[in-house]
Amino acid sequence: MKKYDPNIDSGVHTVKITLQAWDYVGHIIQKIKGNCKGKQILDFDFECENEFPDNDCQLTYDEDYGTFNCVLVNEKGDTLKCACDAEEMNNMIVGVEIIDFTEG
């Protein structure tokens, strides 16, 4: 991100959440609207989230089993299929970053 004005009170943050297990990686992109900024935006928790329309790891939530399912990929293109509860998914978060902000 080129510029982030901490004085702006309302807008849309684009947040990138990185998941990793060994050398397998996946990402979730979320748009967060409202009157919040900085660290408040970075408090991502799978206990509170179950919809992920923009991700590169086929992340879904299975309400019947209470599990998150995803496919992580390493640099060689090998895949790792995961079926985890919220705590296990939270343990795979290695990065949460604001990558864009639009005022409004």
N, C-alpha and C. Protein backbone atom coordinates (compact mmCIF):
# COMPACT_ATOMS: atom_id res chain seq x y z
N MET A 1 0.85 -1.16 0.00
CA MET A 1 0.00 0.00 0.00
C MET A 1 0.91 1.24 0.00
N LYS A 2 0.59 2.18 -0.81
CA LYS A 2 1.41 3.40 -0.96
C LYS A 2 1.16 4.42 0.14
N LYS A 3 -0.11 4.57 0.59
CA LYS A 3 -0.44 5.62 1.55
C LYS A 3 -1.58 5.15 2.44
N TYR A 4 -1.46 5.44 3.74
CA TYR A 4 -2.52 5.10 4.70
C TYR A 4 -2.69 6.26 5.65
N ASP A 5 -3.83 6.95 5.56
CA ASP A 5 -4.10 8.11 6.40
C ASP A 5 -4.83 7.65 7.66
N PRO A 6 -4.18 7.67 8.82
CA PRO A 6 -4.82 7.21 10.06
C PRO A 6 -5.91 8.15 10.57
N ASN A 7 -6.09 9.30 9.92
CA ASN A 7 -7.11 10.26 10.36
C ASN A 7 -8.44 10.07 9.65
N ILE A 8 -8.50 9.24 8.63
CA ILE A 8 -9.75 9.00 7.92
C ILE A 8 -10.58 8.02 8.75
N ASP A 9 -11.84 8.36 8.96
CA ASP A 9 -12.69 7.56 9.84
C ASP A 9 -13.52 6.49 9.15
N SER A 10 -13.76 6.61 7.86
CA SER A 10 -14.66 5.65 7.22
C SER A 10 -14.15 5.28 5.85
N GLY A 11 -14.30 4.00 5.51
CA GLY A 11 -13.85 3.53 4.21
C GLY A 11 -13.90 2.02 4.12
N VAL A 12 -13.22 1.51 3.10
CA VAL A 12 -13.17 0.06 2.87
C VAL A 12 -11.71 -0.37 2.89
N HIS A 13 -11.39 -1.26 3.83
CA HIS A 13 -10.06 -1.85 3.90
C HIS A 13 -10.07 -3.18 3.15
N THR A 14 -9.02 -3.43 2.40
CA THR A 14 -8.82 -4.74 1.80
C THR A 14 -7.71 -5.41 2.60
N VAL A 15 -8.04 -6.59 3.14
CA VAL A 15 -7.13 -7.30 4.04
C VAL A 15 -6.77 -8.65 3.43
N LYS A 16 -5.48 -8.97 3.48
CA LYS A 16 -4.98 -10.26 2.99
C LYS A 16 -4.56 -11.10 4.19
N ILE A 17 -5.18 -12.29 4.33
CA ILE A 17 -4.85 -13.22 5.40
C ILE A 17 -4.08 -14.37 4.76
N THR A 18 -2.89 -14.65 5.26
CA THR A 18 -2.06 -15.72 4.72
C THR A 18 -2.10 -16.93 5.65
N LEU A 19 -2.40 -18.09 5.08
CA LEU A 19 -2.40 -19.36 5.80
C LEU A 19 -1.19 -20.16 5.36
N GLN A 20 -0.56 -20.87 6.28
CA GLN A 20 0.58 -21.70 5.91
C GLN A 20 0.68 -22.91 6.81
N ALA A 21 0.98 -24.05 6.19
CA ALA A 21 1.31 -25.29 6.90
C ALA A 21 2.52 -25.87 6.17
N TRP A 22 3.63 -26.00 6.86
CA TRP A 22 4.90 -26.38 6.27
C TRP A 22 5.23 -25.42 5.13
N ASP A 23 5.40 -25.89 3.91
CA ASP A 23 5.68 -24.97 2.80
C ASP A 23 4.46 -24.76 1.91
N TYR A 24 3.29 -25.13 2.40
CA TYR A 24 2.03 -24.96 1.66
C TYR A 24 1.35 -23.67 2.11
N VAL A 25 0.88 -22.87 1.14
CA VAL A 25 0.37 -21.53 1.43
C VAL A 25 -0.96 -21.29 0.70
N GLY A 26 -1.79 -20.45 1.31
CA GLY A 26 -3.03 -19.98 0.69
C GLY A 26 -3.38 -18.61 1.25
N HIS A 27 -4.26 -17.89 0.55
CA HIS A 27 -4.62 -16.53 0.96
C HIS A 27 -6.12 -16.31 0.92
N ILE A 28 -6.59 -15.46 1.81
CA ILE A 28 -7.98 -15.00 1.84
C ILE A 28 -7.92 -13.49 1.69
N ILE A 29 -8.76 -12.93 0.86
CA ILE A 29 -8.87 -11.48 0.72
C ILE A 29 -10.25 -11.08 1.23
N GLN A 30 -10.28 -10.13 2.17
CA GLN A 30 -11.55 -9.66 2.71
C GLN A 30 -11.65 -8.15 2.57
N LYS A 31 -12.86 -7.69 2.33
CA LYS A 31 -13.18 -6.26 2.31
C LYS A 31 -13.89 -5.95 3.62
N ILE A 32 -13.38 -4.99 4.37
CA ILE A 32 -13.96 -4.63 5.65
C ILE A 32 -14.38 -3.17 5.57
N LYS A 33 -15.68 -2.93 5.73
CA LYS A 33 -16.23 -1.58 5.62
C LYS A 33 -16.52 -1.03 7.00
N GLY A 34 -16.49 0.30 7.10
CA GLY A 34 -16.95 0.91 8.33
C GLY A 34 -15.97 1.88 8.94
N ASN A 35 -16.29 2.25 10.16
CA ASN A 35 -15.52 3.23 10.91
C ASN A 35 -14.54 2.51 11.83
N CYS A 36 -13.53 1.90 11.25
CA CYS A 36 -12.50 1.24 12.03
C CYS A 36 -11.21 1.31 11.21
N LYS A 37 -10.10 1.11 11.86
CA LYS A 37 -8.81 1.22 11.17
C LYS A 37 -7.71 0.51 11.95
N GLY A 38 -6.57 0.41 11.30
CA GLY A 38 -5.37 -0.13 11.95
C GLY A 38 -5.56 -1.50 12.54
N LYS A 39 -5.15 -1.67 13.79
CA LYS A 39 -5.17 -2.97 14.47
C LYS A 39 -6.56 -3.59 14.53
N GLN A 40 -7.61 -2.75 14.66
CA GLN A 40 -8.97 -3.28 14.70
C GLN A 40 -9.25 -4.12 13.44
N ILE A 41 -8.73 -3.70 12.33
CA ILE A 41 -8.93 -4.39 11.06
C ILE A 41 -8.18 -5.72 11.04
N LEU A 42 -7.08 -5.79 11.76
CA LEU A 42 -6.20 -6.96 11.70
C LEU A 42 -6.60 -8.09 12.66
N ASP A 43 -7.65 -7.89 13.44
CA ASP A 43 -8.08 -8.91 14.40
C ASP A 43 -8.96 -9.96 13.72
N PHE A 44 -8.40 -10.75 12.83
CA PHE A 44 -9.13 -11.79 12.12
C PHE A 44 -9.18 -13.05 12.99
N ASP A 45 -10.33 -13.73 13.01
CA ASP A 45 -10.50 -14.93 13.82
C ASP A 45 -11.50 -15.85 13.13
N PHE A 46 -11.09 -17.08 12.86
CA PHE A 46 -11.98 -18.05 12.22
C PHE A 46 -13.20 -18.38 13.08
N GLU A 47 -13.11 -18.16 14.40
CA GLU A 47 -14.27 -18.39 15.27
C GLU A 47 -15.44 -17.49 14.87
N CYS A 48 -15.13 -16.33 14.29
CA CYS A 48 -16.16 -15.34 13.95
C CYS A 48 -16.47 -15.27 12.46
N GLU A 49 -15.71 -15.96 11.64
CA GLU A 49 -15.85 -15.86 10.18
C GLU A 49 -16.20 -17.21 9.58
N ASN A 50 -17.09 -17.21 8.58
CA ASN A 50 -17.35 -18.47 7.87
C ASN A 50 -17.73 -18.25 6.41
N GLU A 51 -17.53 -17.03 5.89
CA GLU A 51 -17.75 -16.77 4.47
C GLU A 51 -16.49 -16.15 3.88
N PHE A 52 -16.02 -16.73 2.77
CA PHE A 52 -14.76 -16.31 2.17
C PHE A 52 -14.89 -16.25 0.65
N PRO A 53 -15.56 -15.22 0.14
CA PRO A 53 -15.82 -15.17 -1.30
C PRO A 53 -14.56 -14.98 -2.15
N ASP A 54 -13.49 -14.44 -1.58
CA ASP A 54 -12.29 -14.19 -2.37
C ASP A 54 -11.09 -14.87 -1.73
N ASN A 55 -10.74 -16.05 -2.24
CA ASN A 55 -9.58 -16.76 -1.71
C ASN A 55 -8.97 -17.61 -2.82
N ASP A 56 -7.70 -17.94 -2.69
CA ASP A 56 -7.02 -18.75 -3.70
C ASP A 56 -6.77 -20.19 -3.23
N CYS A 57 -7.47 -20.59 -2.15
CA CYS A 57 -7.21 -21.91 -1.57
C CYS A 57 -8.48 -22.75 -1.43
N GLN A 58 -9.50 -22.41 -2.21
CA GLN A 58 -10.76 -23.17 -2.21
C GLN A 58 -11.35 -23.28 -0.80
N LEU A 59 -11.19 -22.23 -0.02
CA LEU A 59 -11.65 -22.25 1.37
C LEU A 59 -13.16 -22.21 1.46
N THR A 60 -13.72 -23.18 2.18
CA THR A 60 -15.15 -23.25 2.43
C THR A 60 -15.39 -23.66 3.88
N TYR A 61 -16.63 -23.45 4.33
CA TYR A 61 -17.01 -23.86 5.68
C TYR A 61 -18.13 -24.88 5.56
N ASP A 62 -17.97 -26.02 6.22
CA ASP A 62 -18.97 -27.07 6.22
C ASP A 62 -19.75 -26.99 7.53
N GLU A 63 -20.98 -26.46 7.45
CA GLU A 63 -21.80 -26.27 8.66
C GLU A 63 -22.15 -27.59 9.33
N ASP A 64 -22.32 -28.66 8.55
CA ASP A 64 -22.70 -29.96 9.12
C ASP A 64 -21.62 -30.50 10.06
N TYR A 65 -20.35 -30.31 9.70
CA TYR A 65 -19.25 -30.86 10.48
C TYR A 65 -18.51 -29.79 11.29
N GLY A 66 -18.81 -28.52 11.03
CA GLY A 66 -18.11 -27.43 11.74
C GLY A 66 -16.65 -27.34 11.36
N THR A 67 -16.34 -27.69 10.12
CA THR A 67 -14.95 -27.65 9.68
C THR A 67 -14.77 -26.69 8.51
N PHE A 68 -13.56 -26.18 8.43
CA PHE A 68 -13.13 -25.38 7.29
C PHE A 68 -12.32 -26.30 6.39
N ASN A 69 -12.57 -26.22 5.10
CA ASN A 69 -11.85 -27.05 4.14
C ASN A 69 -11.09 -26.14 3.19
N CYS A 70 -9.84 -26.46 2.94
CA CYS A 70 -9.05 -25.66 2.01
C CYS A 70 -7.97 -26.53 1.37
N VAL A 71 -7.39 -25.98 0.32
CA VAL A 71 -6.28 -26.64 -0.37
C VAL A 71 -5.14 -25.63 -0.46
N LEU A 72 -4.05 -25.92 0.23
CA LEU A 72 -2.87 -25.06 0.20
C LEU A 72 -1.90 -25.60 -0.84
N VAL A 73 -1.09 -24.73 -1.41
CA VAL A 73 -0.18 -25.10 -2.50
C VAL A 73 1.23 -24.65 -2.17
N ASN A 74 2.23 -25.50 -2.50
CA ASN A 74 3.62 -25.08 -2.31
C ASN A 74 4.21 -24.59 -3.64
N GLU A 75 5.46 -24.15 -3.61
CA GLU A 75 6.11 -23.59 -4.81
C GLU A 75 6.23 -24.59 -5.95
N LYS A 76 6.29 -25.88 -5.63
CA LYS A 76 6.38 -26.92 -6.67
C LYS A 76 5.03 -27.23 -7.30
N GLY A 77 3.95 -26.69 -6.72
CA GLY A 77 2.61 -26.97 -7.22
C GLY A 77 1.94 -28.13 -6.52
N ASP A 78 2.62 -28.72 -5.54
CA ASP A 78 2.01 -29.79 -4.76
C ASP A 78 0.92 -29.20 -3.87
N THR A 79 -0.11 -29.99 -3.56
CA THR A 79 -1.22 -29.49 -2.76
C THR A 79 -1.34 -30.23 -1.43
N LEU A 80 -1.93 -29.54 -0.48
CA LEU A 80 -2.22 -30.10 0.84
C LEU A 80 -3.66 -29.79 1.16
N LYS A 81 -4.51 -30.81 1.26
CA LYS A 81 -5.91 -30.63 1.61
C LYS A 81 -6.05 -30.62 3.12
N CYS A 82 -6.80 -29.63 3.61
CA CYS A 82 -6.99 -29.48 5.05
C CYS A 82 -8.48 -29.46 5.38
N ALA A 83 -8.84 -30.12 6.46
CA ALA A 83 -10.18 -30.04 7.05
C ALA A 83 -9.95 -29.78 8.53
N CYS A 84 -10.19 -28.53 8.95
CA CYS A 84 -9.80 -28.11 10.29
C CYS A 84 -10.93 -27.38 11.00
N ASP A 85 -10.88 -27.39 12.33
CA ASP A 85 -11.81 -26.56 13.08
C ASP A 85 -11.22 -25.14 13.15
N ALA A 86 -11.97 -24.23 13.76
CA ALA A 86 -11.55 -22.82 13.80
C ALA A 86 -10.21 -22.63 14.49
N GLU A 87 -9.98 -23.34 15.58
CA GLU A 87 -8.71 -23.19 16.31
C GLU A 87 -7.52 -23.63 15.44
N GLU A 88 -7.68 -24.75 14.75
CA GLU A 88 -6.61 -25.24 13.88
C GLU A 88 -6.36 -24.26 12.73
N MET A 89 -7.42 -23.68 12.17
CA MET A 89 -7.26 -22.69 11.10
C MET A 89 -6.55 -21.45 11.63
N ASN A 90 -6.94 -20.97 12.81
CA ASN A 90 -6.26 -19.82 13.40
C ASN A 90 -4.77 -20.08 13.60
N ASN A 91 -4.41 -21.33 13.92
CA ASN A 91 -3.01 -21.69 14.11
C ASN A 91 -2.22 -21.67 12.81
N MET A 92 -2.90 -21.67 11.66
CA MET A 92 -2.21 -21.61 10.37
C MET A 92 -2.06 -20.18 9.84
N ILE A 93 -2.62 -19.20 10.54
CA ILE A 93 -2.48 -17.81 10.09
C ILE A 93 -1.06 -17.33 10.39
N VAL A 94 -0.34 -16.94 9.33
CA VAL A 94 1.02 -16.44 9.49
C VAL A 94 1.13 -14.96 9.11
N GLY A 95 0.05 -14.41 8.57
CA GLY A 95 0.09 -12.99 8.22
C GLY A 95 -1.31 -12.43 8.03
N VAL A 96 -1.50 -11.19 8.51
CA VAL A 96 -2.72 -10.43 8.27
C VAL A 96 -2.25 -9.03 7.92
N GLU A 97 -2.58 -8.58 6.71
CA GLU A 97 -2.03 -7.31 6.22
C GLU A 97 -3.10 -6.50 5.51
N ILE A 98 -3.17 -5.20 5.81
CA ILE A 98 -4.01 -4.29 5.06
C ILE A 98 -3.27 -3.99 3.76
N ILE A 99 -3.87 -4.37 2.62
CA ILE A 99 -3.19 -4.16 1.34
C ILE A 99 -3.78 -3.01 0.54
N ASP A 100 -4.95 -2.49 0.95
CA ASP A 100 -5.54 -1.36 0.26
C ASP A 100 -6.58 -0.70 1.16
N PHE A 101 -6.81 0.60 0.92
CA PHE A 101 -7.83 1.34 1.64
C PHE A 101 -8.44 2.34 0.68
N THR A 102 -9.78 2.37 0.65
CA THR A 102 -10.52 3.32 -0.16
C THR A 102 -11.40 4.14 0.76
N GLU A 103 -11.25 5.45 0.71
CA GLU A 103 -12.06 6.33 1.55
C GLU A 103 -13.49 6.35 1.07
N GLY A 104 -14.40 6.44 2.03
CA GLY A 104 -15.80 6.55 1.62
C GLY A 104 -16.80 6.02 2.54
